[in-house]
Amino acid sequence: MKRSLFAALLPLVLASCVRERPSVPQFLEISREILEVAATDARRNQPGRVNDGPLYVNVKSFHEAAERATNATVDYEAVNQALGDPVQAELEQILLCDTGGTLVGCWVRRYGVFVNLNIVKLAGDEMSVWVRTSSTDRRTHPTDFCHRVWRLDFRTDGESWTLAERELLRSCIAE
């Protein structure tokens, strides 16, 4: 009796552990949405003067996330094109600080916005991503960085992935 019950329940238990993975085209579409949500938020919610400079993207972070999420080899250039061919940058190239010179402070190069995809986590029919934006907070002198971190949750119905929830995890704006 116990063996037959176990045999009957085993497929159900295993099915609940299966993670739905987006296809490469689906993840590239999701990446565009992640970038749009993060960049729009960073520009709209920038304290002080708006950062209207270039949009810098760590394309490598999106590329690595695409390969993890899809469990497939993803062409780097396809990721870059899916993101709209942004100005590619790594953190060290964009976030600048001068502690002893004439400018004193920290800022994003040319008062732009930097976007980095930090984490991708799959669980069942859900995928959560953590994305960080950095911009320049010009309310004080010396200037400093404004880092915002969002968790975006996507769900699938088996055919497509949609943004289901979003939560602001970190903000430079005093609440």
C-alpha atoms as a PDB file:
ATOM      1  CA  MET A   1       0.000   0.000   0.000  1.00  0.00           C
ATOM      2  CA  LYS A   2       2.727   2.478   0.992  1.00  0.00           C
ATOM      3  CA  ARG A   3       4.722   1.703  -2.146  1.00  0.00           C
ATOM      4  CA  SER A   4       1.764   2.241  -4.445  1.00  0.00           C
ATOM      5  CA  LEU A   5       0.926   5.548  -2.753  1.00  0.00           C
ATOM      6  CA  PHE A   6       4.555   6.629  -3.033  1.00  0.00           C
ATOM      7  CA  ALA A   7       4.651   5.595  -6.704  1.00  0.00           C
ATOM      8  CA  ALA A   8       1.458   7.555  -7.355  1.00  0.00           C
ATOM      9  CA  LEU A   9       2.673  10.715  -5.609  1.00  0.00           C
ATOM     10  CA  LEU A  10       6.241  10.714  -6.944  1.00  0.00           C
ATOM     11  CA  PRO A  11       5.379  12.207 -10.366  1.00  0.00           C
ATOM     12  CA  LEU A  12       3.410  15.002  -8.691  1.00  0.00           C
ATOM     13  CA  VAL A  13       6.263  15.825  -6.328  1.00  0.00           C
ATOM     14  CA  LEU A  14       8.802  15.812  -9.140  1.00  0.00           C
ATOM     15  CA  ALA A  15       6.579  17.974 -11.359  1.00  0.00           C
ATOM     16  CA  SER A  16       6.336  20.601  -8.624  1.00  0.00           C
ATOM     17  CA  CYS A  17      10.151  20.794  -8.508  1.00  0.00           C
ATOM     18  CA  VAL A  18      10.548  21.419 -12.231  1.00  0.00           C
ATOM     19  CA  ARG A  19      11.541  24.971 -13.020  1.00  0.00           C
ATOM     20  CA  GLU A  20      10.075  26.613 -16.056  1.00  0.00           C
ATOM     21  CA  ARG A  21      12.884  28.311 -17.961  1.00  0.00           C
ATOM     22  CA  PRO A  22      12.372  31.097 -20.461  1.00  0.00           C
ATOM     23  CA  SER A  23      13.628  30.505 -23.980  1.00  0.00           C
ATOM     24  CA  VAL A  24      16.450  32.734 -25.223  1.00  0.00           C
ATOM     25  CA  PRO A  25      14.064  34.991 -27.231  1.00  0.00           C
ATOM     26  CA  GLN A  26      11.770  35.238 -24.208  1.00  0.00           C
ATOM     27  CA  PHE A  27      14.637  36.210 -21.908  1.00  0.00           C
ATOM     28  CA  LEU A  28      15.867  38.833 -24.395  1.00  0.00           C
ATOM     29  CA  GLU A  29      12.372  40.335 -24.377  1.00  0.00           C
ATOM     30  CA  ILE A  30      12.325  40.223 -20.567  1.00  0.00           C
ATOM     31  CA  SER A  31      15.750  41.931 -20.545  1.00  0.00           C
ATOM     32  CA  ARG A  32      14.371  44.847 -22.572  1.00  0.00           C
ATOM     33  CA  GLU A  33      11.562  45.225 -20.051  1.00  0.00           C
ATOM     34  CA  ILE A  34      13.962  45.046 -17.083  1.00  0.00           C
ATOM     35  CA  LEU A  35      16.135  47.761 -18.623  1.00  0.00           C
ATOM     36  CA  GLU A  36      13.140  49.981 -19.414  1.00  0.00           C
ATOM     37  CA  VAL A  37      11.685  49.689 -15.890  1.00  0.00           C
ATOM     38  CA  ALA A  38      15.046  50.360 -14.209  1.00  0.00           C
ATOM     39  CA  ALA A  39      16.180  53.236 -16.444  1.00  0.00           C
ATOM     40  CA  THR A  40      12.812  54.997 -16.360  1.00  0.00           C
ATOM     41  CA  ASP A  41      12.656  54.692 -12.580  1.00  0.00           C
ATOM     42  CA  ALA A  42      16.207  56.011 -12.136  1.00  0.00           C
ATOM     43  CA  ARG A  43      15.514  59.095 -14.236  1.00  0.00           C
ATOM     44  CA  ARG A  44      12.081  59.826 -12.722  1.00  0.00           C
ATOM     45  CA  ASN A  45      13.100  59.354  -9.104  1.00  0.00           C
ATOM     46  CA  GLN A  46      16.481  61.025  -9.137  1.00  0.00           C
ATOM     47  CA  PRO A  47      16.792  63.406  -6.210  1.00  0.00           C
ATOM     48  CA  GLY A  48      17.885  66.915  -7.116  1.00  0.00           C
ATOM     49  CA  ARG A  49      18.709  67.751 -10.703  1.00  0.00           C
ATOM     50  CA  VAL A  50      17.727  65.071 -13.241  1.00  0.00           C
ATOM     51  CA  ASN A  51      20.515  62.964 -14.693  1.00  0.00           C
ATOM     52  CA  ASP A  52      19.913  63.387 -18.396  1.00  0.00           C
ATOM     53  CA  GLY A  53      23.223  61.928 -19.556  1.00  0.00           C
ATOM     54  CA  PRO A  54      23.774  58.634 -21.372  1.00  0.00           C
ATOM     55  CA  LEU A  55      22.304  55.297 -20.373  1.00  0.00           C
ATOM     56  CA  TYR A  56      25.188  53.009 -19.466  1.00  0.00           C
ATOM     57  CA  VAL A  57      24.479  49.281 -19.241  1.00  0.00           C
ATOM     58  CA  ASN A  58      26.604  46.446 -17.968  1.00  0.00           C
ATOM     59  CA  VAL A  59      25.666  44.225 -20.917  1.00  0.00           C
ATOM     60  CA  LYS A  60      27.871  41.485 -19.487  1.00  0.00           C
ATOM     61  CA  SER A  61      25.563  41.232 -16.444  1.00  0.00           C
ATOM     62  CA  PHE A  62      22.523  40.769 -18.725  1.00  0.00           C
ATOM     63  CA  HIS A  63      24.439  38.249 -20.867  1.00  0.00           C
ATOM     64  CA  GLU A  64      25.439  36.146 -17.853  1.00  0.00           C
ATOM     65  CA  ALA A  65      21.880  36.297 -16.507  1.00  0.00           C
ATOM     66  CA  ALA A  66      20.523  35.169 -19.888  1.00  0.00           C
ATOM     67  CA  GLU A  67      22.749  32.105 -19.890  1.00  0.00           C
ATOM     68  CA  ARG A  68      21.851  31.226 -16.277  1.00  0.00           C
ATOM     69  CA  ALA A  69      18.114  31.711 -16.775  1.00  0.00           C
ATOM     70  CA  THR A  70      17.838  29.873 -20.087  1.00  0.00           C
ATOM     71  CA  ASN A  71      20.525  27.264 -19.407  1.00  0.00           C
ATOM     72  CA  ALA A  72      21.691  27.840 -22.972  1.00  0.00           C
ATOM     73  CA  THR A  73      24.571  29.519 -24.761  1.00  0.00           C
ATOM     74  CA  VAL A  74      23.457  33.033 -25.625  1.00  0.00           C
ATOM     75  CA  ASP A  75      25.187  35.244 -28.168  1.00  0.00           C
ATOM     76  CA  TYR A  76      26.596  38.367 -26.476  1.00  0.00           C
ATOM     77  CA  GLU A  77      25.781  40.544 -29.476  1.00  0.00           C
ATOM     78  CA  ALA A  78      22.164  39.330 -29.449  1.00  0.00           C
ATOM     79  CA  VAL A  79      21.859  40.539 -25.844  1.00  0.00           C
ATOM     80  CA  ASN A  80      23.415  43.879 -26.758  1.00  0.00           C
ATOM     81  CA  GLN A  81      20.998  44.337 -29.663  1.00  0.00           C
ATOM     82  CA  ALA A  82      18.010  43.275 -27.551  1.00  0.00           C
ATOM     83  CA  LEU A  83      18.917  46.024 -25.071  1.00  0.00           C
ATOM     84  CA  GLY A  84      18.943  48.612 -27.854  1.00  0.00           C
ATOM     85  CA  ASP A  85      22.720  48.755 -28.356  1.00  0.00           C
ATOM     86  CA  PRO A  86      23.322  50.913 -25.236  1.00  0.00           C
ATOM     87  CA  VAL A  87      26.630  52.389 -24.139  1.00  0.00           C
ATOM     88  CA  GLN A  88      28.358  49.315 -22.717  1.00  0.00           C
ATOM     89  CA  ALA A  89      30.137  49.884 -19.449  1.00  0.00           C
ATOM     90  CA  GLU A  90      31.482  48.206 -16.361  1.00  0.00           C
ATOM     91  CA  LEU A  91      31.138  49.697 -12.909  1.00  0.00           C
ATOM     92  CA  GLU A  92      34.761  50.844 -12.653  1.00  0.00           C
ATOM     93  CA  GLN A  93      34.496  52.846 -15.897  1.00  0.00           C
ATOM     94  CA  ILE A  94      31.369  54.760 -14.950  1.00  0.00           C
ATOM     95  CA  LEU A  95      31.235  55.401 -11.194  1.00  0.00           C
ATOM     96  CA  LEU A  96      33.864  58.019 -10.479  1.00  0.00           C
ATOM     97  CA  CYS A  97      35.099  59.611  -7.245  1.00  0.00           C
ATOM     98  CA  ASP A  98      37.502  62.464  -6.594  1.00  0.00           C
ATOM     99  CA  THR A  99      38.414  62.803  -2.938  1.00  0.00           C
ATOM    100  CA  GLY A 100      41.264  65.262  -3.096  1.00  0.00           C
ATOM    101  CA  GLY A 101      41.077  67.177  -6.338  1.00  0.00           C
ATOM    102  CA  THR A 102      39.102  70.193  -7.412  1.00  0.00           C
ATOM    103  CA  LEU A 103      35.841  68.388  -8.191  1.00  0.00           C
ATOM    104  CA  VAL A 104      35.510  66.443  -4.879  1.00  0.00           C
ATOM    105  CA  GLY A 105      32.604  64.013  -4.775  1.00  0.00           C
ATOM    106  CA  CYS A 106      31.286  60.964  -6.577  1.00  0.00           C
ATOM    107  CA  TRP A 107      29.235  60.882  -9.752  1.00  0.00           C
ATOM    108  CA  VAL A 108      28.224  58.805 -12.734  1.00  0.00           C
ATOM    109  CA  ARG A 109      30.206  59.789 -15.826  1.00  0.00           C
ATOM    110  CA  ARG A 110      28.521  62.611 -17.770  1.00  0.00           C
ATOM    111  CA  TYR A 111      25.618  62.507 -15.272  1.00  0.00           C
ATOM    112  CA  GLY A 112      24.203  59.399 -16.878  1.00  0.00           C
ATOM    113  CA  VAL A 113      22.442  56.375 -15.440  1.00  0.00           C
ATOM    114  CA  PHE A 114      24.183  53.017 -14.958  1.00  0.00           C
ATOM    115  CA  VAL A 115      22.155  49.758 -14.952  1.00  0.00           C
ATOM    116  CA  ASN A 116      23.422  46.390 -13.721  1.00  0.00           C
ATOM    117  CA  LEU A 117      21.449  43.125 -13.527  1.00  0.00           C
ATOM    118  CA  ASN A 118      22.569  41.615 -10.226  1.00  0.00           C
ATOM    119  CA  ILE A 119      20.686  38.361  -9.630  1.00  0.00           C
ATOM    120  CA  VAL A 120      18.346  35.991 -11.476  1.00  0.00           C
ATOM    121  CA  LYS A 121      16.480  33.346  -9.501  1.00  0.00           C
ATOM    122  CA  LEU A 122      14.076  30.748 -10.912  1.00  0.00           C
ATOM    123  CA  ALA A 123      11.484  28.933  -8.811  1.00  0.00           C
ATOM    124  CA  GLY A 124       8.666  26.972 -10.412  1.00  0.00           C
ATOM    125  CA  ASP A 125       6.840  29.229 -12.860  1.00  0.00           C
ATOM    126  CA  GLU A 126       8.423  32.409 -11.441  1.00  0.00           C
ATOM    127  CA  MET A 127      11.624  34.264 -12.115  1.00  0.00           C
ATOM    128  CA  SER A 128      12.899  37.034  -9.849  1.00  0.00           C
ATOM    129  CA  VAL A 129      15.583  39.491 -10.892  1.00  0.00           C
ATOM    130  CA  TRP A 130      17.390  42.116  -8.860  1.00  0.00           C
ATOM    131  CA  VAL A 131      18.474  45.130 -10.886  1.00  0.00           C
ATOM    132  CA  ARG A 132      20.476  48.104  -9.624  1.00  0.00           C
ATOM    133  CA  THR A 133      20.703  51.585 -11.032  1.00  0.00           C
ATOM    134  CA  SER A 134      23.267  54.204 -10.121  1.00  0.00           C
ATOM    135  CA  SER A 135      23.010  57.902 -10.840  1.00  0.00           C
ATOM    136  CA  THR A 136      24.416  61.094  -9.353  1.00  0.00           C
ATOM    137  CA  ASP A 137      22.714  62.644  -6.337  1.00  0.00           C
ATOM    138  CA  ARG A 138      23.342  66.372  -6.762  1.00  0.00           C
ATOM    139  CA  ARG A 139      21.385  67.585  -3.729  1.00  0.00           C
ATOM    140  CA  THR A 140      24.556  68.152  -1.736  1.00  0.00           C
ATOM    141  CA  HIS A 141      28.136  69.099  -2.368  1.00  0.00           C
ATOM    142  CA  PRO A 142      30.164  66.998  -2.622  1.00  0.00           C
ATOM    143  CA  THR A 143      27.917  64.935  -4.865  1.00  0.00           C
ATOM    144  CA  ASP A 144      27.319  61.263  -4.180  1.00  0.00           C
ATOM    145  CA  PHE A 145      25.743  58.230  -5.821  1.00  0.00           C
ATOM    146  CA  CYS A 146      22.056  57.423  -5.810  1.00  0.00           C
ATOM    147  CA  HIS A 147      21.711  53.624  -5.914  1.00  0.00           C
ATOM    148  CA  ARG A 148      18.256  52.097  -6.384  1.00  0.00           C
ATOM    149  CA  VAL A 149      17.637  48.349  -6.299  1.00  0.00           C
ATOM    150  CA  TRP A 150      14.480  46.713  -7.609  1.00  0.00           C
ATOM    151  CA  ARG A 151      13.262  43.142  -7.372  1.00  0.00           C
ATOM    152  CA  LEU A 152      11.128  42.342 -10.404  1.00  0.00           C
ATOM    153  CA  ASP A 153       9.084  39.137 -10.414  1.00  0.00           C
ATOM    154  CA  PHE A 154       8.040  37.573 -13.712  1.00  0.00           C
ATOM    155  CA  ARG A 155       5.553  34.723 -14.079  1.00  0.00           C
ATOM    156  CA  THR A 156       4.827  32.411 -16.938  1.00  0.00           C
ATOM    157  CA  ASP A 157       1.599  30.836 -18.073  1.00  0.00           C
ATOM    158  CA  GLY A 158       3.609  28.295 -20.032  1.00  0.00           C
ATOM    159  CA  GLU A 159       3.703  30.418 -23.175  1.00  0.00           C
ATOM    160  CA  SER A 160       4.889  33.874 -22.197  1.00  0.00           C
ATOM    161  CA  TRP A 161       6.491  35.677 -19.261  1.00  0.00           C
ATOM    162  CA  THR A 162       4.934  38.802 -17.756  1.00  0.00           C
ATOM    163  CA  LEU A 163       6.021  41.225 -15.071  1.00  0.00           C
ATOM    164  CA  ALA A 164       3.835  40.318 -12.090  1.00  0.00           C
ATOM    165  CA  GLU A 165       5.301  42.268  -9.170  1.00  0.00           C
ATOM    166  CA  ARG A 166       7.949  44.828  -8.404  1.00  0.00           C
ATOM    167  CA  GLU A 167       9.459  45.886  -5.111  1.00  0.00           C
ATOM    168  CA  LEU A 168      11.875  48.718  -4.429  1.00  0.00           C
ATOM    169  CA  LEU A 169      14.501  47.240  -2.104  1.00  0.00           C
ATOM    170  CA  ARG A 170      16.842  50.209  -1.827  1.00  0.00           C
ATOM    171  CA  SER A 171      16.455  53.900  -2.480  1.00  0.00           C
ATOM    172  CA  CYS A 172      18.662  56.907  -1.931  1.00  0.00           C
ATOM    173  CA  ILE A 173      15.617  59.102  -1.323  1.00  0.00           C
ATOM    174  CA  ALA A 174      14.798  59.637   2.341  1.00  0.00           C
ATOM    175  CA  GLU A 175      11.302  58.314   2.951  1.00  0.00           C
END
